[in-house]
Amino acid sequence: MPTTVLSAFLTFTMITAFTPGPNNILAFSAGNQYGLKKCSPIIAGICTGFLCVMALCGMAVVSASAVSEHVIKWMRYIGSIYILWLAWKVAFPAHQVSTESSIYPGFIRGFVLQFINIKIIIYGLTAFSGFIIPYYNSSIAISAFVIILSIVGCSGVIAWTVAGFALQKILQKHPAVINSVMGIMLVACAISIII
């Protein structure tokens, strides 16, 4: 990969990984509401799902059977509905935190989000089709880039989680306002996906 392309690839992946999106907003909210330990299942779900989606994107681009516009259109609608549901859960959380394994920040919720999160699907398809496949096509290289893209993406999620936790004392003085802002940001993500 030429240096100019590598520079563009790194810029693209870092900006996409660290800017607000469904994963980062959900991670920030979970870190803020539950702390690092209790939100670790949803973060693990996000990161595991992210890895799976990157692998699927790599396979889709390599096999040249890229996802059709029709499928992407429906994924946008389904993803937007799910993100709106998450926005509701973030804006109006249950006030009692249960100690059961089925509490809000669960692994499955984070994992499922990845398969309808059009931001990371487009991230993966763009990275593979625009930056990786023109220069590398061996299965080892593709696997390495799946891991690299996942590490970069998950580092953004972890950074947002830590920020939510670090600001917990400040932000929990006004939880209704913070939860509402996070919910509104998720609603904005959902709207931006369908328009």
N, C-alpha and C. Protein backbone atom coordinates (compact mmCIF):
# COMPACT_ATOMS: atom_id res chain seq x y z
N MET A 1 0.85 -1.17 0.00
CA MET A 1 0.00 0.00 0.00
C MET A 1 0.90 1.24 0.00
N PRO A 2 0.73 2.13 -0.99
CA PRO A 2 1.53 3.35 -1.03
C PRO A 2 1.30 4.23 0.21
N THR A 3 2.28 5.03 0.55
CA THR A 3 2.21 5.87 1.75
C THR A 3 1.00 6.80 1.72
N THR A 4 0.69 7.37 0.57
CA THR A 4 -0.46 8.29 0.50
C THR A 4 -1.77 7.55 0.76
N VAL A 5 -1.88 6.33 0.26
CA VAL A 5 -3.08 5.53 0.49
C VAL A 5 -3.14 5.09 1.95
N LEU A 6 -1.99 4.71 2.51
CA LEU A 6 -1.94 4.33 3.93
C LEU A 6 -2.37 5.49 4.82
N SER A 7 -1.91 6.68 4.49
CA SER A 7 -2.28 7.87 5.25
C SER A 7 -3.80 8.11 5.17
N ALA A 8 -4.35 7.99 3.99
CA ALA A 8 -5.81 8.16 3.81
C ALA A 8 -6.57 7.06 4.56
N PHE A 9 -6.06 5.84 4.50
CA PHE A 9 -6.70 4.71 5.20
C PHE A 9 -6.72 4.96 6.71
N LEU A 10 -5.59 5.37 7.27
CA LEU A 10 -5.52 5.63 8.71
C LEU A 10 -6.42 6.79 9.11
N THR A 11 -6.45 7.83 8.30
CA THR A 11 -7.34 8.97 8.58
C THR A 11 -8.79 8.51 8.56
N PHE A 12 -9.17 7.78 7.53
CA PHE A 12 -10.54 7.28 7.41
C PHE A 12 -10.92 6.41 8.61
N THR A 13 -10.06 5.46 8.97
CA THR A 13 -10.42 4.54 10.05
C THR A 13 -10.48 5.25 11.40
N MET A 14 -9.56 6.16 11.66
CA MET A 14 -9.55 6.87 12.95
C MET A 14 -10.76 7.79 13.08
N ILE A 15 -11.04 8.54 12.03
CA ILE A 15 -12.18 9.46 12.09
C ILE A 15 -13.48 8.67 12.26
N THR A 16 -13.62 7.61 11.51
CA THR A 16 -14.84 6.81 11.61
C THR A 16 -14.96 6.16 12.99
N ALA A 17 -13.85 5.68 13.54
CA ALA A 17 -13.88 4.98 14.82
C ALA A 17 -14.16 5.90 16.00
N PHE A 18 -13.70 7.14 15.94
CA PHE A 18 -13.79 8.01 17.11
C PHE A 18 -14.89 9.07 17.03
N THR A 19 -15.61 9.14 15.92
CA THR A 19 -16.71 10.10 15.83
C THR A 19 -17.99 9.46 16.38
N PRO A 20 -18.95 10.30 16.78
CA PRO A 20 -20.19 9.75 17.34
C PRO A 20 -20.92 8.85 16.34
N GLY A 21 -21.43 7.79 16.84
CA GLY A 21 -22.23 6.84 16.10
C GLY A 21 -22.93 5.97 17.12
N PRO A 22 -23.76 5.05 16.67
CA PRO A 22 -24.51 4.22 17.62
C PRO A 22 -23.64 3.50 18.65
N ASN A 23 -22.53 2.92 18.21
CA ASN A 23 -21.65 2.20 19.15
C ASN A 23 -21.07 3.15 20.21
N ASN A 24 -20.51 4.25 19.75
CA ASN A 24 -19.83 5.16 20.67
C ASN A 24 -20.80 5.84 21.64
N ILE A 25 -21.95 6.22 21.14
CA ILE A 25 -22.94 6.86 22.02
C ILE A 25 -23.46 5.86 23.05
N LEU A 26 -23.75 4.66 22.61
CA LEU A 26 -24.22 3.62 23.53
C LEU A 26 -23.13 3.29 24.56
N ALA A 27 -21.88 3.21 24.12
CA ALA A 27 -20.76 2.92 25.02
C ALA A 27 -20.58 4.05 26.04
N PHE A 28 -20.67 5.29 25.59
CA PHE A 28 -20.55 6.44 26.49
C PHE A 28 -21.65 6.39 27.55
N SER A 29 -22.87 6.15 27.10
CA SER A 29 -24.00 6.10 28.01
C SER A 29 -23.87 4.95 29.01
N ALA A 30 -23.45 3.78 28.54
CA ALA A 30 -23.29 2.63 29.43
C ALA A 30 -22.17 2.88 30.44
N GLY A 31 -21.05 3.45 29.99
CA GLY A 31 -19.96 3.76 30.91
C GLY A 31 -20.38 4.78 31.95
N ASN A 32 -21.18 5.73 31.52
CA ASN A 32 -21.65 6.77 32.43
C ASN A 32 -22.67 6.23 33.43
N GLN A 33 -23.61 5.43 32.98
CA GLN A 33 -24.68 4.95 33.84
C GLN A 33 -24.28 3.79 34.74
N TYR A 34 -23.42 2.92 34.23
CA TYR A 34 -23.15 1.67 34.95
C TYR A 34 -21.72 1.50 35.43
N GLY A 35 -20.79 2.32 34.94
CA GLY A 35 -19.40 2.13 35.30
C GLY A 35 -18.74 1.11 34.39
N LEU A 36 -17.43 1.03 34.46
CA LEU A 36 -16.67 0.18 33.54
C LEU A 36 -16.95 -1.31 33.71
N LYS A 37 -17.02 -1.78 34.94
CA LYS A 37 -17.20 -3.21 35.17
C LYS A 37 -18.58 -3.69 34.71
N LYS A 38 -19.63 -2.97 35.09
CA LYS A 38 -20.98 -3.42 34.77
C LYS A 38 -21.34 -3.25 33.29
N CYS A 39 -20.64 -2.35 32.58
CA CYS A 39 -20.95 -2.20 31.16
C CYS A 39 -20.04 -3.05 30.28
N SER A 40 -19.13 -3.80 30.88
CA SER A 40 -18.21 -4.61 30.07
C SER A 40 -18.91 -5.65 29.19
N PRO A 41 -20.06 -6.23 29.60
CA PRO A 41 -20.71 -7.17 28.68
C PRO A 41 -21.16 -6.52 27.37
N ILE A 42 -21.73 -5.31 27.43
CA ILE A 42 -22.17 -4.69 26.19
C ILE A 42 -20.98 -4.28 25.33
N ILE A 43 -19.90 -3.86 25.95
CA ILE A 43 -18.69 -3.50 25.20
C ILE A 43 -18.10 -4.75 24.54
N ALA A 44 -18.10 -5.86 25.26
CA ALA A 44 -17.63 -7.13 24.68
C ALA A 44 -18.53 -7.53 23.51
N GLY A 45 -19.83 -7.34 23.64
CA GLY A 45 -20.76 -7.64 22.55
C GLY A 45 -20.50 -6.77 21.34
N ILE A 46 -20.30 -5.48 21.57
CA ILE A 46 -20.00 -4.56 20.47
C ILE A 46 -18.73 -4.99 19.76
N CYS A 47 -17.68 -5.26 20.51
CA CYS A 47 -16.39 -5.61 19.91
C CYS A 47 -16.43 -6.97 19.20
N THR A 48 -17.11 -7.93 19.77
CA THR A 48 -17.23 -9.24 19.13
C THR A 48 -18.04 -9.14 17.84
N GLY A 49 -19.17 -8.44 17.92
CA GLY A 49 -19.99 -8.23 16.73
C GLY A 49 -19.24 -7.44 15.66
N PHE A 50 -18.47 -6.45 16.09
CA PHE A 50 -17.68 -5.64 15.17
C PHE A 50 -16.71 -6.51 14.39
N LEU A 51 -16.02 -7.41 15.10
CA LEU A 51 -15.08 -8.33 14.45
C LEU A 51 -15.81 -9.21 13.42
N CYS A 52 -16.96 -9.72 13.80
CA CYS A 52 -17.74 -10.57 12.87
C CYS A 52 -18.17 -9.79 11.64
N VAL A 53 -18.64 -8.56 11.82
CA VAL A 53 -19.08 -7.74 10.69
C VAL A 53 -17.90 -7.41 9.78
N MET A 54 -16.73 -7.11 10.36
CA MET A 54 -15.56 -6.82 9.53
C MET A 54 -15.18 -8.05 8.70
N ALA A 55 -15.27 -9.24 9.30
CA ALA A 55 -14.97 -10.47 8.56
C ALA A 55 -15.97 -10.65 7.41
N LEU A 56 -17.25 -10.41 7.70
CA LEU A 56 -18.27 -10.53 6.65
C LEU A 56 -18.05 -9.50 5.53
N CYS A 57 -17.69 -8.28 5.91
CA CYS A 57 -17.42 -7.24 4.90
C CYS A 57 -16.23 -7.64 4.03
N GLY A 58 -15.18 -8.14 4.66
CA GLY A 58 -14.01 -8.58 3.90
C GLY A 58 -14.37 -9.69 2.92
N MET A 59 -15.14 -10.67 3.40
CA MET A 59 -15.55 -11.77 2.52
C MET A 59 -16.45 -11.28 1.39
N ALA A 60 -17.35 -10.35 1.70
CA ALA A 60 -18.26 -9.84 0.68
C ALA A 60 -17.51 -9.11 -0.42
N VAL A 61 -16.55 -8.28 -0.04
CA VAL A 61 -15.81 -7.52 -1.04
C VAL A 61 -14.89 -8.45 -1.83
N VAL A 62 -14.23 -9.36 -1.14
CA VAL A 62 -13.33 -10.29 -1.83
C VAL A 62 -14.10 -11.15 -2.83
N SER A 63 -15.24 -11.62 -2.44
CA SER A 63 -16.01 -12.48 -3.34
C SER A 63 -16.75 -11.70 -4.41
N ALA A 64 -16.63 -10.37 -4.36
CA ALA A 64 -17.26 -9.49 -5.35
C ALA A 64 -18.78 -9.63 -5.35
N SER A 65 -19.32 -10.15 -4.26
CA SER A 65 -20.77 -10.23 -4.15
C SER A 65 -21.22 -9.17 -3.15
N ALA A 66 -20.81 -7.95 -3.41
CA ALA A 66 -21.11 -6.85 -2.49
C ALA A 66 -22.62 -6.75 -2.28
N VAL A 67 -22.97 -6.29 -1.12
CA VAL A 67 -24.36 -6.17 -0.74
C VAL A 67 -25.08 -5.22 -1.69
N SER A 68 -26.25 -5.63 -2.15
CA SER A 68 -27.01 -4.82 -3.10
C SER A 68 -27.60 -3.59 -2.41
N GLU A 69 -27.90 -2.58 -3.20
CA GLU A 69 -28.53 -1.36 -2.68
C GLU A 69 -29.86 -1.67 -2.00
N HIS A 70 -30.60 -2.62 -2.53
CA HIS A 70 -31.90 -2.99 -1.96
C HIS A 70 -31.72 -3.52 -0.53
N VAL A 71 -30.73 -4.38 -0.34
CA VAL A 71 -30.47 -4.94 0.99
C VAL A 71 -30.00 -3.84 1.93
N ILE A 72 -29.11 -2.97 1.45
CA ILE A 72 -28.61 -1.87 2.28
C ILE A 72 -29.75 -0.95 2.68
N LYS A 73 -30.69 -0.69 1.76
CA LYS A 73 -31.84 0.16 2.06
C LYS A 73 -32.64 -0.42 3.22
N TRP A 74 -32.94 -1.72 3.18
CA TRP A 74 -33.70 -2.35 4.26
C TRP A 74 -32.92 -2.40 5.56
N MET A 75 -31.59 -2.62 5.44
CA MET A 75 -30.76 -2.63 6.64
C MET A 75 -30.77 -1.25 7.30
N ARG A 76 -30.82 -0.21 6.49
CA ARG A 76 -30.88 1.15 7.04
C ARG A 76 -32.16 1.33 7.85
N TYR A 77 -33.28 0.88 7.31
CA TYR A 77 -34.55 1.03 8.02
C TYR A 77 -34.57 0.19 9.31
N ILE A 78 -34.16 -1.04 9.21
CA ILE A 78 -34.13 -1.92 10.39
C ILE A 78 -33.15 -1.36 11.42
N GLY A 79 -31.98 -0.95 10.97
CA GLY A 79 -30.99 -0.37 11.87
C GLY A 79 -31.50 0.89 12.54
N SER A 80 -32.20 1.73 11.78
CA SER A 80 -32.75 2.97 12.35
C SER A 80 -33.79 2.67 13.42
N ILE A 81 -34.63 1.70 13.17
CA ILE A 81 -35.65 1.32 14.17
C ILE A 81 -34.98 0.81 15.44
N TYR A 82 -33.97 -0.03 15.28
CA TYR A 82 -33.26 -0.56 16.45
C TYR A 82 -32.56 0.57 17.21
N ILE A 83 -31.93 1.48 16.48
CA ILE A 83 -31.23 2.60 17.12
C ILE A 83 -32.23 3.52 17.82
N LEU A 84 -33.41 3.71 17.24
CA LEU A 84 -34.45 4.50 17.92
C LEU A 84 -34.88 3.82 19.22
N TRP A 85 -34.98 2.50 19.20
CA TRP A 85 -35.30 1.76 20.42
C TRP A 85 -34.20 1.96 21.47
N LEU A 86 -32.93 1.89 21.02
CA LEU A 86 -31.81 2.13 21.93
C LEU A 86 -31.86 3.56 22.48
N ALA A 87 -32.23 4.51 21.61
CA ALA A 87 -32.34 5.91 22.05
C ALA A 87 -33.36 6.03 23.18
N TRP A 88 -34.48 5.34 23.04
CA TRP A 88 -35.51 5.35 24.08
C TRP A 88 -34.95 4.77 25.38
N LYS A 89 -34.25 3.64 25.27
CA LYS A 89 -33.68 3.00 26.46
C LYS A 89 -32.63 3.88 27.14
N VAL A 90 -31.85 4.62 26.34
CA VAL A 90 -30.83 5.50 26.90
C VAL A 90 -31.48 6.74 27.52
N ALA A 91 -32.44 7.32 26.82
CA ALA A 91 -33.08 8.55 27.31
C ALA A 91 -33.94 8.30 28.54
N PHE A 92 -34.56 7.13 28.60
CA PHE A 92 -35.45 6.80 29.71
C PHE A 92 -35.06 5.46 30.33
N PRO A 93 -33.89 5.42 31.01
CA PRO A 93 -33.42 4.15 31.57
C PRO A 93 -34.25 3.72 32.77
N ALA A 94 -34.24 2.41 33.00
CA ALA A 94 -34.87 1.90 34.22
C ALA A 94 -34.03 2.43 35.38
N HIS A 95 -34.69 2.94 36.40
CA HIS A 95 -33.94 3.58 37.48
C HIS A 95 -33.34 2.60 38.47
N GLN A 96 -33.84 1.39 38.52
CA GLN A 96 -33.21 0.42 39.40
C GLN A 96 -32.33 -0.49 38.57
N VAL A 97 -31.08 -0.61 38.97
CA VAL A 97 -30.13 -1.45 38.27
C VAL A 97 -30.16 -2.83 38.91
N SER A 98 -30.48 -3.80 38.13
CA SER A 98 -30.58 -5.18 38.61
C SER A 98 -29.20 -5.82 38.65
N THR A 99 -29.05 -6.84 39.45
CA THR A 99 -27.78 -7.57 39.46
C THR A 99 -27.86 -8.81 38.59
N GLU A 100 -29.00 -9.02 37.95
CA GLU A 100 -29.15 -10.18 37.07
C GLU A 100 -28.33 -9.98 35.80
N SER A 101 -28.08 -11.07 35.09
CA SER A 101 -27.30 -10.99 33.87
C SER A 101 -28.08 -10.36 32.73
N SER A 102 -29.38 -10.16 32.91
CA SER A 102 -30.20 -9.60 31.84
C SER A 102 -30.35 -8.09 31.95
N ILE A 103 -29.52 -7.43 32.75
CA ILE A 103 -29.62 -5.99 32.87
C ILE A 103 -29.26 -5.32 31.55
N TYR A 104 -29.61 -4.06 31.43
CA TYR A 104 -29.47 -3.28 30.21
C TYR A 104 -28.17 -3.51 29.44
N PRO A 105 -26.99 -3.34 30.04
CA PRO A 105 -25.80 -3.42 29.20
C PRO A 105 -25.36 -4.86 28.91
N GLY A 106 -26.17 -5.61 28.19
CA GLY A 106 -25.88 -7.01 27.92
C GLY A 106 -25.09 -7.24 26.64
N PHE A 107 -24.42 -8.37 26.60
CA PHE A 107 -23.60 -8.78 25.46
C PHE A 107 -24.43 -8.84 24.18
N ILE A 108 -25.58 -9.49 24.23
CA ILE A 108 -26.40 -9.70 23.03
C ILE A 108 -26.82 -8.37 22.42
N ARG A 109 -27.20 -7.41 23.25
CA ARG A 109 -27.63 -6.11 22.73
C ARG A 109 -26.51 -5.44 21.95
N GLY A 110 -25.30 -5.46 22.47
CA GLY A 110 -24.16 -4.88 21.76
C GLY A 110 -23.80 -5.66 20.51
N PHE A 111 -23.89 -6.97 20.60
CA PHE A 111 -23.55 -7.84 19.46
C PHE A 111 -24.52 -7.65 18.31
N VAL A 112 -25.82 -7.66 18.61
CA VAL A 112 -26.85 -7.55 17.57
C VAL A 112 -26.77 -6.19 16.87
N LEU A 113 -26.48 -5.15 17.63
CA LEU A 113 -26.39 -3.81 17.04
C LEU A 113 -25.44 -3.78 15.86
N GLN A 114 -24.36 -4.55 15.91
CA GLN A 114 -23.35 -4.49 14.85
C GLN A 114 -23.89 -4.93 13.50
N PHE A 115 -24.81 -5.87 13.49
CA PHE A 115 -25.30 -6.42 12.22
C PHE A 115 -26.32 -5.52 11.55
N ILE A 116 -26.79 -4.51 12.25
CA ILE A 116 -27.71 -3.54 11.65
C ILE A 116 -27.17 -2.12 11.75
N ASN A 117 -25.93 -1.99 12.19
CA ASN A 117 -25.29 -0.68 12.31
C ASN A 117 -24.66 -0.34 10.97
N ILE A 118 -25.40 0.40 10.19
CA ILE A 118 -24.96 0.69 8.83
C ILE A 118 -23.64 1.47 8.81
N LYS A 119 -23.34 2.22 9.87
CA LYS A 119 -22.08 2.97 9.92
C LYS A 119 -20.89 2.03 9.84
N ILE A 120 -20.90 0.95 10.62
CA ILE A 120 -19.73 0.06 10.58
C ILE A 120 -19.76 -0.85 9.35
N ILE A 121 -20.94 -1.14 8.84
CA ILE A 121 -21.01 -1.95 7.61
C ILE A 121 -20.39 -1.16 6.46
N ILE A 122 -20.77 0.11 6.34
CA ILE A 122 -20.20 0.96 5.29
C ILE A 122 -18.70 1.16 5.54
N TYR A 123 -18.33 1.32 6.82
CA TYR A 123 -16.92 1.44 7.20
C TYR A 123 -16.13 0.23 6.68
N GLY A 124 -16.64 -0.96 6.95
CA GLY A 124 -15.95 -2.19 6.51
C GLY A 124 -15.91 -2.33 5.00
N LEU A 125 -17.06 -2.12 4.34
CA LEU A 125 -17.11 -2.25 2.88
C LEU A 125 -16.21 -1.22 2.21
N THR A 126 -16.21 0.01 2.73
CA THR A 126 -15.37 1.06 2.15
C THR A 126 -13.89 0.77 2.37
N ALA A 127 -13.54 0.38 3.58
CA ALA A 127 -12.13 0.09 3.86
C ALA A 127 -11.61 -1.03 2.97
N PHE A 128 -12.41 -2.11 2.86
CA PHE A 128 -11.93 -3.23 2.04
C PHE A 128 -11.92 -2.90 0.56
N SER A 129 -12.99 -2.29 0.06
CA SER A 129 -13.06 -2.04 -1.39
C SER A 129 -12.17 -0.89 -1.83
N GLY A 130 -12.02 0.14 -1.00
CA GLY A 130 -11.25 1.30 -1.42
C GLY A 130 -9.79 1.31 -1.04
N PHE A 131 -9.45 0.66 0.07
CA PHE A 131 -8.08 0.75 0.58
C PHE A 131 -7.32 -0.58 0.61
N ILE A 132 -8.01 -1.67 0.84
CA ILE A 132 -7.31 -2.93 1.11
C ILE A 132 -7.23 -3.83 -0.12
N ILE A 133 -8.37 -4.17 -0.70
CA ILE A 133 -8.41 -5.13 -1.81
C ILE A 133 -7.59 -4.68 -3.03
N PRO A 134 -7.51 -3.39 -3.35
CA PRO A 134 -6.66 -3.02 -4.49
C PRO A 134 -5.18 -3.36 -4.29
N TYR A 135 -4.75 -3.59 -3.05
CA TYR A 135 -3.34 -3.84 -2.77
C TYR A 135 -3.06 -5.22 -2.17
N TYR A 136 -4.05 -5.79 -1.52
CA TYR A 136 -3.88 -7.10 -0.87
C TYR A 136 -5.09 -7.96 -1.15
N ASN A 137 -4.85 -9.23 -1.45
CA ASN A 137 -6.00 -10.13 -1.64
C ASN A 137 -5.78 -11.53 -1.08
N SER A 138 -4.69 -11.75 -0.38
CA SER A 138 -4.48 -13.06 0.22
C SER A 138 -5.36 -13.19 1.47
N SER A 139 -5.70 -14.39 1.81
CA SER A 139 -6.56 -14.58 2.98
C SER A 139 -5.86 -14.15 4.27
N ILE A 140 -4.54 -14.27 4.32
CA ILE A 140 -3.80 -13.82 5.51
C ILE A 140 -3.88 -12.30 5.63
N ALA A 141 -3.69 -11.59 4.52
CA ALA A 141 -3.77 -10.13 4.55
C ALA A 141 -5.17 -9.66 4.91
N ILE A 142 -6.18 -10.29 4.32
CA ILE A 142 -7.57 -9.90 4.61
C ILE A 142 -7.86 -10.15 6.09
N SER A 143 -7.43 -11.28 6.60
CA SER A 143 -7.64 -11.59 8.03
C SER A 143 -6.93 -10.57 8.91
N ALA A 144 -5.73 -10.18 8.53
CA ALA A 144 -4.98 -9.19 9.31
C ALA A 144 -5.73 -7.85 9.32
N PHE A 145 -6.28 -7.46 8.17
CA PHE A 145 -7.02 -6.20 8.11
C PHE A 145 -8.36 -6.29 8.86
N VAL A 146 -8.98 -7.45 8.90
CA VAL A 146 -10.18 -7.62 9.73
C VAL A 146 -9.83 -7.30 11.18
N ILE A 147 -8.70 -7.83 11.63
CA ILE A 147 -8.26 -7.59 13.01
C ILE A 147 -7.89 -6.13 13.22
N ILE A 148 -7.16 -5.54 12.26
CA ILE A 148 -6.76 -4.13 12.38
C ILE A 148 -7.99 -3.22 12.44
N LEU A 149 -8.92 -3.42 11.52
CA LEU A 149 -10.14 -2.60 11.50
C LEU A 149 -10.93 -2.76 12.81
N SER A 150 -10.97 -3.97 13.32
CA SER A 150 -11.69 -4.23 14.57
C SER A 150 -11.00 -3.57 15.76
N ILE A 151 -9.70 -3.63 15.79
CA ILE A 151 -8.95 -2.99 16.89
C ILE A 151 -9.17 -1.48 16.87
N VAL A 152 -9.08 -0.89 15.69
CA VAL A 152 -9.28 0.56 15.58
C VAL A 152 -10.71 0.91 15.98
N GLY A 153 -11.69 0.18 15.44
CA GLY A 153 -13.09 0.46 15.77
C GLY A 153 -13.39 0.29 17.24
N CYS A 154 -12.90 -0.77 17.83
CA CYS A 154 -13.15 -1.03 19.25
C CYS A 154 -12.39 -0.08 20.15
N SER A 155 -11.26 0.44 19.69
CA SER A 155 -10.55 1.43 20.50
C SER A 155 -11.39 2.70 20.63
N GLY A 156 -12.13 3.06 19.59
CA GLY A 156 -13.05 4.19 19.68
C GLY A 156 -14.15 3.93 20.68
N VAL A 157 -14.72 2.72 20.65
CA VAL A 157 -15.77 2.34 21.59
C VAL A 157 -15.25 2.39 23.02
N ILE A 158 -14.07 1.85 23.23
CA ILE A 158 -13.50 1.83 24.58
C ILE A 158 -13.20 3.26 25.06
N ALA A 159 -12.69 4.10 24.16
CA ALA A 159 -12.41 5.49 24.53
C ALA A 159 -13.69 6.21 24.96
N TRP A 160 -14.78 5.99 24.23
CA TRP A 160 -16.05 6.61 24.59
C TRP A 160 -16.59 6.04 25.90
N THR A 161 -16.38 4.76 26.15
CA THR A 161 -16.81 4.15 27.41
C THR A 161 -16.06 4.77 28.58
N VAL A 162 -14.74 4.88 28.43
CA VAL A 162 -13.91 5.46 29.48
C VAL A 162 -14.30 6.92 29.71
N ALA A 163 -14.58 7.65 28.63
CA ALA A 163 -15.00 9.05 28.78
C ALA A 163 -16.31 9.13 29.55
N GLY A 164 -17.25 8.25 29.22
CA GLY A 164 -18.51 8.23 29.96
C GLY A 164 -18.30 7.94 31.43
N PHE A 165 -17.42 7.00 31.71
CA PHE A 165 -17.12 6.65 33.11
C PHE A 165 -16.38 7.79 33.82
N ALA A 166 -15.38 8.37 33.13
CA ALA A 166 -14.57 9.44 33.73
C ALA A 166 -15.41 10.66 34.07
N LEU A 167 -16.41 10.90 33.27
CA LEU A 167 -17.28 12.06 33.49
C LEU A 167 -18.50 11.72 34.34
N GLN A 168 -18.52 10.50 34.87
CA GLN A 168 -19.68 10.00 35.60
C GLN A 168 -20.09 10.92 36.75
N LYS A 169 -19.17 11.34 37.57
CA LYS A 169 -19.50 12.18 38.73
C LYS A 169 -20.08 13.52 38.29
N ILE A 170 -19.52 14.09 37.25
CA ILE A 170 -20.01 15.37 36.75
C ILE A 170 -21.38 15.19 36.08
N LEU A 171 -21.46 14.19 35.22
CA LEU A 171 -22.67 14.02 34.42
C LEU A 171 -23.85 13.48 35.23
N GLN A 172 -23.59 12.75 36.31
CA GLN A 172 -24.69 12.19 37.08
C GLN A 172 -25.35 13.20 38.01
N LYS A 173 -24.84 14.42 38.00
CA LYS A 173 -25.53 15.47 38.74
C LYS A 173 -26.82 15.87 38.00
N HIS A 174 -26.84 15.61 36.72
CA HIS A 174 -28.00 15.92 35.88
C HIS A 174 -28.29 14.74 34.95
N PRO A 175 -28.62 13.59 35.50
CA PRO A 175 -28.76 12.38 34.65
C PRO A 175 -29.86 12.49 33.60
N ALA A 176 -30.96 13.14 33.92
CA ALA A 176 -32.05 13.24 32.95
C ALA A 176 -31.61 14.04 31.73
N VAL A 177 -30.86 15.09 31.95
CA VAL A 177 -30.38 15.92 30.84
C VAL A 177 -29.38 15.13 30.00
N ILE A 178 -28.43 14.47 30.65
CA ILE A 178 -27.41 13.71 29.94
C ILE A 178 -28.05 12.56 29.16
N ASN A 179 -28.94 11.82 29.80
CA ASN A 179 -29.60 10.72 29.12
C ASN A 179 -30.41 11.22 27.93
N SER A 180 -31.06 12.36 28.09
CA SER A 180 -31.83 12.94 26.99
C SER A 180 -30.93 13.34 25.83
N VAL A 181 -29.79 13.96 26.14
CA VAL A 181 -28.84 14.36 25.09
C VAL A 181 -28.31 13.12 24.37
N MET A 182 -27.95 12.09 25.12
CA MET A 182 -27.46 10.86 24.49
C MET A 182 -28.56 10.22 23.63
N GLY A 183 -29.79 10.23 24.13
CA GLY A 183 -30.91 9.69 23.36
C GLY A 183 -31.13 10.48 22.08
N ILE A 184 -31.06 11.81 22.18
CA ILE A 184 -31.23 12.67 21.00
C ILE A 184 -30.11 12.41 19.99
N MET A 185 -28.89 12.20 20.48
CA MET A 185 -27.79 11.90 19.57
C MET A 185 -28.03 10.58 18.83
N LEU A 186 -28.58 9.60 19.54
CA LEU A 186 -28.91 8.34 18.87
C LEU A 186 -30.03 8.53 17.85
N VAL A 187 -31.02 9.35 18.18
CA VAL A 187 -32.09 9.64 17.23
C VAL A 187 -31.49 10.31 15.98
N ALA A 188 -30.55 11.23 16.19
CA ALA A 188 -29.88 11.89 15.05
C ALA A 188 -29.13 10.85 14.20
N CYS A 189 -28.50 9.88 14.86
CA CYS A 189 -27.82 8.80 14.11
C CYS A 189 -28.83 8.01 13.28
N ALA A 190 -29.96 7.68 13.90
CA ALA A 190 -31.00 6.91 13.19
C ALA A 190 -31.52 7.68 11.99
N ILE A 191 -31.74 8.98 12.17
CA ILE A 191 -32.24 9.80 11.05
C ILE A 191 -31.21 9.90 9.96
N SER A 192 -29.95 10.10 10.33
CA SER A 192 -28.90 10.24 9.31
C SER A 192 -28.71 8.95 8.50
N ILE A 193 -29.05 7.84 9.09
CA ILE A 193 -28.91 6.56 8.39
C ILE A 193 -29.95 6.44 7.27
N ILE A 194 -31.15 6.95 7.50
CA ILE A 194 -32.22 6.75 6.51
C ILE A 194 -32.35 7.88 5.51
N ILE A 195 -31.68 9.02 5.76
CA ILE A 195 -31.78 10.10 4.75
C ILE A 195 -30.54 10.19 3.91
